[in-house]
Amino acid sequence: SCGVVLGASIFPAFRVVLREGSIQSRRAIVSHLFSVYRAAFREISIGYSRYMARFGTVRKLLM
């Protein structure tokens, strides 16, 4: 699932930040995390809109 992927990508990143401590690596990791979050958010929103569309169709059939 998305949450597991996010967790798995975040923890090593933070470990690297703590070890490296340089501003450059921090910036790279932040931008990487941001892109990961954005991709996950897009997937979630697409799934949600598909689910709502399906739910709307079912509701029309039931009404």
PDB file of N, CA and C in Angstrom:
ATOM      1  N   SER A   1       0.824  -1.202   0.000  1.00  0.00           N
ATOM      2  CA  SER A   1       0.000   0.000   0.000  1.00  0.00           C
ATOM      3  C   SER A   1       0.863   1.258   0.000  1.00  0.00           C
ATOM      4  N   CYS A   2       0.238   2.393  -0.234  1.00  0.00           N
ATOM      5  CA  CYS A   2       0.968   3.665  -0.339  1.00  0.00           C
ATOM      6  C   CYS A   2       1.669   4.024   0.960  1.00  0.00           C
ATOM      7  N   GLY A   3       0.981   3.834   2.082  1.00  0.00           N
ATOM      8  CA  GLY A   3       1.545   4.206   3.373  1.00  0.00           C
ATOM      9  C   GLY A   3       2.838   3.474   3.676  1.00  0.00           C
ATOM     10  N   VAL A   4       2.866   2.179   3.348  1.00  0.00           N
ATOM     11  CA  VAL A   4       4.065   1.371   3.599  1.00  0.00           C
ATOM     12  C   VAL A   4       5.214   1.876   2.751  1.00  0.00           C
ATOM     13  N   VAL A   5       4.930   2.190   1.493  1.00  0.00           N
ATOM     14  CA  VAL A   5       5.963   2.697   0.590  1.00  0.00           C
ATOM     15  C   VAL A   5       6.513   4.020   1.109  1.00  0.00           C
ATOM     16  N   LEU A   6       5.627   4.915   1.543  1.00  0.00           N
ATOM     17  CA  LEU A   6       6.057   6.209   2.076  1.00  0.00           C
ATOM     18  C   LEU A   6       6.939   6.020   3.299  1.00  0.00           C
ATOM     19  N   GLY A   7       6.489   5.161   4.226  1.00  0.00           N
ATOM     20  CA  GLY A   7       7.264   4.907   5.432  1.00  0.00           C
ATOM     21  C   GLY A   7       8.634   4.341   5.106  1.00  0.00           C
ATOM     22  N   ALA A   8       8.671   3.387   4.172  1.00  0.00           N
ATOM     23  CA  ALA A   8       9.928   2.738   3.805  1.00  0.00           C
ATOM     24  C   ALA A   8      10.899   3.719   3.157  1.00  0.00           C
ATOM     25  N   SER A   9      10.365   4.712   2.435  1.00  0.00           N
ATOM     26  CA  SER A   9      11.244   5.675   1.765  1.00  0.00           C
ATOM     27  C   SER A   9      11.667   6.801   2.698  1.00  0.00           C
ATOM     28  N   ILE A  10      10.851   7.086   3.724  1.00  0.00           N
ATOM     29  CA  ILE A  10      11.144   8.218   4.609  1.00  0.00           C
ATOM     30  C   ILE A  10      12.232   7.870   5.622  1.00  0.00           C
ATOM     31  N   PHE A  11      12.144   6.695   6.250  1.00  0.00           N
ATOM     32  CA  PHE A  11      13.063   6.396   7.347  1.00  0.00           C
ATOM     33  C   PHE A  11      14.524   6.350   6.916  1.00  0.00           C
ATOM     34  N   PRO A  12      14.875   5.659   5.815  1.00  0.00           N
ATOM     35  CA  PRO A  12      16.279   5.703   5.371  1.00  0.00           C
ATOM     36  C   PRO A  12      16.717   7.119   5.027  1.00  0.00           C
ATOM     37  N   ALA A  13      15.803   7.903   4.469  1.00  0.00           N
ATOM     38  CA  ALA A  13      16.131   9.279   4.096  1.00  0.00           C
ATOM     39  C   ALA A  13      16.530  10.086   5.325  1.00  0.00           C
ATOM     40  N   PHE A  14      15.749   9.958   6.395  1.00  0.00           N
ATOM     41  CA  PHE A  14      16.067  10.700   7.616  1.00  0.00           C
ATOM     42  C   PHE A  14      17.378  10.230   8.230  1.00  0.00           C
ATOM     43  N   ARG A  15      17.642   8.915   8.131  1.00  0.00           N
ATOM     44  CA  ARG A  15      18.899   8.386   8.652  1.00  0.00           C
ATOM     45  C   ARG A  15      20.075   9.002   7.900  1.00  0.00           C
ATOM     46  N   VAL A  16      19.917   9.122   6.586  1.00  0.00           N
ATOM     47  CA  VAL A  16      20.967   9.739   5.767  1.00  0.00           C
ATOM     48  C   VAL A  16      21.149  11.201   6.160  1.00  0.00           C
ATOM     49  N   VAL A  17      20.035  11.907   6.367  1.00  0.00           N
ATOM     50  CA  VAL A  17      20.113  13.320   6.765  1.00  0.00           C
ATOM     51  C   VAL A  17      20.912  13.461   8.058  1.00  0.00           C
ATOM     52  N   LEU A  18      20.608  12.608   9.030  1.00  0.00           N
ATOM     53  CA  LEU A  18      21.285  12.695  10.326  1.00  0.00           C
ATOM     54  C   LEU A  18      22.774  12.390  10.188  1.00  0.00           C
ATOM     55  N   ARG A  19      23.116  11.436   9.325  1.00  0.00           N
ATOM     56  CA  ARG A  19      24.514  11.043   9.172  1.00  0.00           C
ATOM     57  C   ARG A  19      25.288  12.073   8.365  1.00  0.00           C
ATOM     58  N   GLU A  20      24.699  12.480   7.241  1.00  0.00           N
ATOM     59  CA  GLU A  20      25.396  13.426   6.359  1.00  0.00           C
ATOM     60  C   GLU A  20      25.429  14.818   6.988  1.00  0.00           C
ATOM     61  N   GLY A  21      24.235  15.323   7.312  1.00  0.00           N
ATOM     62  CA  GLY A  21      24.139  16.615   7.972  1.00  0.00           C
ATOM     63  C   GLY A  21      24.424  17.798   7.068  1.00  0.00           C
ATOM     64  N   SER A  22      24.737  17.542   5.805  1.00  0.00           N
ATOM     65  CA  SER A  22      25.041  18.663   4.911  1.00  0.00           C
ATOM     66  C   SER A  22      23.760  19.221   4.319  1.00  0.00           C
ATOM     67  N   ILE A  23      23.773  20.523   4.036  1.00  0.00           N
ATOM     68  CA  ILE A  23      22.581  21.204   3.539  1.00  0.00           C
ATOM     69  C   ILE A  23      22.191  20.662   2.163  1.00  0.00           C
ATOM     70  N   GLN A  24      23.200  20.338   1.353  1.00  0.00           N
ATOM     71  CA  GLN A  24      22.929  19.859  -0.002  1.00  0.00           C
ATOM     72  C   GLN A  24      22.150  18.542   0.029  1.00  0.00           C
ATOM     73  N   SER A  25      22.608  17.596   0.833  1.00  0.00           N
ATOM     74  CA  SER A  25      21.934  16.298   0.898  1.00  0.00           C
ATOM     75  C   SER A  25      20.532  16.460   1.478  1.00  0.00           C
ATOM     76  N   ARG A  26      20.400  17.362   2.451  1.00  0.00           N
ATOM     77  CA  ARG A  26      19.085  17.624   3.024  1.00  0.00           C
ATOM     78  C   ARG A  26      18.118  18.117   1.957  1.00  0.00           C
ATOM     79  N   ARG A  27      18.598  19.031   1.131  1.00  0.00           N
ATOM     80  CA  ARG A  27      17.745  19.600   0.086  1.00  0.00           C
ATOM     81  C   ARG A  27      17.344  18.523  -0.917  1.00  0.00           C
ATOM     82  N   ALA A  28      18.307  17.659  -1.271  1.00  0.00           N
ATOM     83  CA  ALA A  28      18.022  16.581  -2.224  1.00  0.00           C
ATOM     84  C   ALA A  28      16.969  15.629  -1.663  1.00  0.00           C
ATOM     85  N   ILE A  29      17.109  15.306  -0.379  1.00  0.00           N
ATOM     86  CA  ILE A  29      16.171  14.373   0.247  1.00  0.00           C
ATOM     87  C   ILE A  29      14.782  14.987   0.357  1.00  0.00           C
ATOM     88  N   VAL A  30      14.730  16.260   0.719  1.00  0.00           N
ATOM     89  CA  VAL A  30      13.436  16.940   0.832  1.00  0.00           C
ATOM     90  C   VAL A  30      12.719  16.952  -0.515  1.00  0.00           C
ATOM     91  N   SER A  31      13.462  17.249  -1.586  1.00  0.00           N
ATOM     92  CA  SER A  31      12.832  17.278  -2.910  1.00  0.00           C
ATOM     93  C   SER A  31      12.400  15.875  -3.330  1.00  0.00           C
ATOM     94  N   HIS A  32      13.200  14.864  -2.972  1.00  0.00           N
ATOM     95  CA  HIS A  32      12.833  13.478  -3.273  1.00  0.00           C
ATOM     96  C   HIS A  32      11.553  13.093  -2.537  1.00  0.00           C
ATOM     97  N   LEU A  33      11.497  13.396  -1.249  1.00  0.00           N
ATOM     98  CA  LEU A  33      10.306  13.083  -0.462  1.00  0.00           C
ATOM     99  C   LEU A  33       9.084  13.810  -1.011  1.00  0.00           C
ATOM    100  N   PHE A  34       9.286  15.062  -1.417  1.00  0.00           N
ATOM    101  CA  PHE A  34       8.180  15.844  -1.953  1.00  0.00           C
ATOM    102  C   PHE A  34       7.611  15.187  -3.208  1.00  0.00           C
ATOM    103  N   SER A  35       8.506  14.714  -4.097  1.00  0.00           N
ATOM    104  CA  SER A  35       8.039  14.069  -5.329  1.00  0.00           C
ATOM    105  C   SER A  35       7.332  12.755  -5.012  1.00  0.00           C
ATOM    106  N   VAL A  36       7.849  12.015  -4.014  1.00  0.00           N
ATOM    107  CA  VAL A  36       7.198  10.766  -3.603  1.00  0.00           C
ATOM    108  C   VAL A  36       5.801  11.047  -3.067  1.00  0.00           C
ATOM    109  N   TYR A  37       5.707  12.054  -2.183  1.00  0.00           N
ATOM    110  CA  TYR A  37       4.409  12.417  -1.617  1.00  0.00           C
ATOM    111  C   TYR A  37       3.433  12.854  -2.699  1.00  0.00           C
ATOM    112  N   ARG A  38       3.935  13.654  -3.670  1.00  0.00           N
ATOM    113  CA  ARG A  38       3.065  14.168  -4.727  1.00  0.00           C
ATOM    114  C   ARG A  38       2.529  13.022  -5.575  1.00  0.00           C
ATOM    115  N   ALA A  39       3.393  12.048  -5.890  1.00  0.00           N
ATOM    116  CA  ALA A  39       2.959  10.895  -6.678  1.00  0.00           C
ATOM    117  C   ALA A  39       1.917  10.085  -5.912  1.00  0.00           C
ATOM    118  N   ALA A  40       2.159   9.863  -4.623  1.00  0.00           N
ATOM    119  CA  ALA A  40       1.217   9.101  -3.800  1.00  0.00           C
ATOM    120  C   ALA A  40      -0.117   9.832  -3.698  1.00  0.00           C
ATOM    121  N   PHE A  41      -0.045  11.156  -3.515  1.00  0.00           N
ATOM    122  CA  PHE A  41      -1.264  11.951  -3.393  1.00  0.00           C
ATOM    123  C   PHE A  41      -2.077  11.883  -4.678  1.00  0.00           C
ATOM    124  N   ARG A  42      -1.387  11.924  -5.840  1.00  0.00           N
ATOM    125  CA  ARG A  42      -2.085  11.846  -7.123  1.00  0.00           C
ATOM    126  C   ARG A  42      -2.771  10.489  -7.255  1.00  0.00           C
ATOM    127  N   GLU A  43      -2.065   9.410  -6.885  1.00  0.00           N
ATOM    128  CA  GLU A  43      -2.657   8.077  -6.953  1.00  0.00           C
ATOM    129  C   GLU A  43      -3.893   7.987  -6.071  1.00  0.00           C
ATOM    130  N   ILE A  44      -3.784   8.520  -4.860  1.00  0.00           N
ATOM    131  CA  ILE A  44      -4.899   8.463  -3.914  1.00  0.00           C
ATOM    132  C   ILE A  44      -6.093   9.250  -4.447  1.00  0.00           C
ATOM    133  N   SER A  45      -5.836  10.447  -4.992  1.00  0.00           N
ATOM    134  CA  SER A  45      -6.939  11.277  -5.477  1.00  0.00           C
ATOM    135  C   SER A  45      -7.603  10.658  -6.703  1.00  0.00           C
ATOM    136  N   ILE A  46      -6.799  10.021  -7.583  1.00  0.00           N
ATOM    137  CA  ILE A  46      -7.371   9.338  -8.752  1.00  0.00           C
ATOM    138  C   ILE A  46      -8.243   8.176  -8.283  1.00  0.00           C
ATOM    139  N   GLY A  47      -7.720   7.386  -7.343  1.00  0.00           N
ATOM    140  CA  GLY A  47      -8.485   6.262  -6.802  1.00  0.00           C
ATOM    141  C   GLY A  47      -9.769   6.727  -6.150  1.00  0.00           C
ATOM    142  N   TYR A  48      -9.680   7.849  -5.424  1.00  0.00           N
ATOM    143  CA  TYR A  48     -10.845   8.381  -4.719  1.00  0.00           C
ATOM    144  C   TYR A  48     -11.910   8.836  -5.707  1.00  0.00           C
ATOM    145  N   SER A  49     -11.498   9.541  -6.765  1.00  0.00           N
ATOM    146  CA  SER A  49     -12.477  10.031  -7.741  1.00  0.00           C
ATOM    147  C   SER A  49     -13.119   8.868  -8.490  1.00  0.00           C
ATOM    148  N   ARG A  50     -12.322   7.813  -8.780  1.00  0.00           N
ATOM    149  CA  ARG A  50     -12.884   6.620  -9.419  1.00  0.00           C
ATOM    150  C   ARG A  50     -13.900   5.961  -8.505  1.00  0.00           C
ATOM    151  N   TYR A  51     -13.541   5.864  -7.226  1.00  0.00           N
ATOM    152  CA  TYR A  51     -14.441   5.250  -6.247  1.00  0.00           C
ATOM    153  C   TYR A  51     -15.739   6.040  -6.148  1.00  0.00           C
ATOM    154  N   MET A  52     -15.637   7.372  -6.109  1.00  0.00           N
ATOM    155  CA  MET A  52     -16.826   8.206  -6.002  1.00  0.00           C
ATOM    156  C   MET A  52     -17.694   8.089  -7.250  1.00  0.00           C
ATOM    157  N   ALA A  53     -17.069   7.990  -8.411  1.00  0.00           N
ATOM    158  CA  ALA A  53     -17.830   7.827  -9.650  1.00  0.00           C
ATOM    159  C   ALA A  53     -18.596   6.509  -9.625  1.00  0.00           C
ATOM    160  N   ARG A  54     -17.922   5.444  -9.184  1.00  0.00           N
ATOM    161  CA  ARG A  54     -18.567   4.138  -9.097  1.00  0.00           C
ATOM    162  C   ARG A  54     -19.708   4.188  -8.083  1.00  0.00           C
ATOM    163  N   PHE A  55     -19.461   4.845  -6.967  1.00  0.00           N
ATOM    164  CA  PHE A  55     -20.466   4.970  -5.915  1.00  0.00           C
ATOM    165  C   PHE A  55     -21.678   5.739  -6.434  1.00  0.00           C
ATOM    166  N   GLY A  56     -21.438   6.801  -7.215  1.00  0.00           N
ATOM    167  CA  GLY A  56     -22.526   7.581  -7.800  1.00  0.00           C
ATOM    168  C   GLY A  56     -23.377   6.747  -8.738  1.00  0.00           C
ATOM    169  N   THR A  57     -22.719   5.899  -9.537  1.00  0.00           N
ATOM    170  CA  THR A  57     -23.436   5.017 -10.463  1.00  0.00           C
ATOM    171  C   THR A  57     -24.305   4.035  -9.694  1.00  0.00           C
ATOM    172  N   VAL A  58     -23.735   3.442  -8.651  1.00  0.00           N
ATOM    173  CA  VAL A  58     -24.486   2.493  -7.827  1.00  0.00           C
ATOM    174  C   VAL A  58     -25.684   3.185  -7.186  1.00  0.00           C
ATOM    175  N   ARG A  59     -25.472   4.405  -6.709  1.00  0.00           N
ATOM    176  CA  ARG A  59     -26.547   5.147  -6.047  1.00  0.00           C
ATOM    177  C   ARG A  59     -27.682   5.442  -7.028  1.00  0.00           C
ATOM    178  N   LYS A  60     -27.306   5.790  -8.274  1.00  0.00           N
ATOM    179  CA  LYS A  60     -28.336   6.043  -9.299  1.00  0.00           C
ATOM    180  C   LYS A  60     -29.163   4.788  -9.560  1.00  0.00           C
ATOM    181  N   LEU A  61     -28.474   3.636  -9.613  1.00  0.00           N
ATOM    182  CA  LEU A  61     -29.180   2.381  -9.858  1.00  0.00           C
ATOM    183  C   LEU A  61     -30.127   2.054  -8.704  1.00  0.00           C
ATOM    184  N   LEU A  62     -29.705   2.351  -7.491  1.00  0.00           N
ATOM    185  CA  LEU A  62     -30.524   2.029  -6.317  1.00  0.00           C
ATOM    186  C   LEU A  62     -31.718   2.966  -6.186  1.00  0.00           C
ATOM    187  N   MET A  63     -31.555   4.217  -6.586  1.00  0.00           N
ATOM    188  CA  MET A  63     -32.624   5.209  -6.434  1.00  0.00           C
ATOM    189  C   MET A  63     -33.804   4.906  -7.351  1.00  0.00           C
TER     190      MET A  63
END
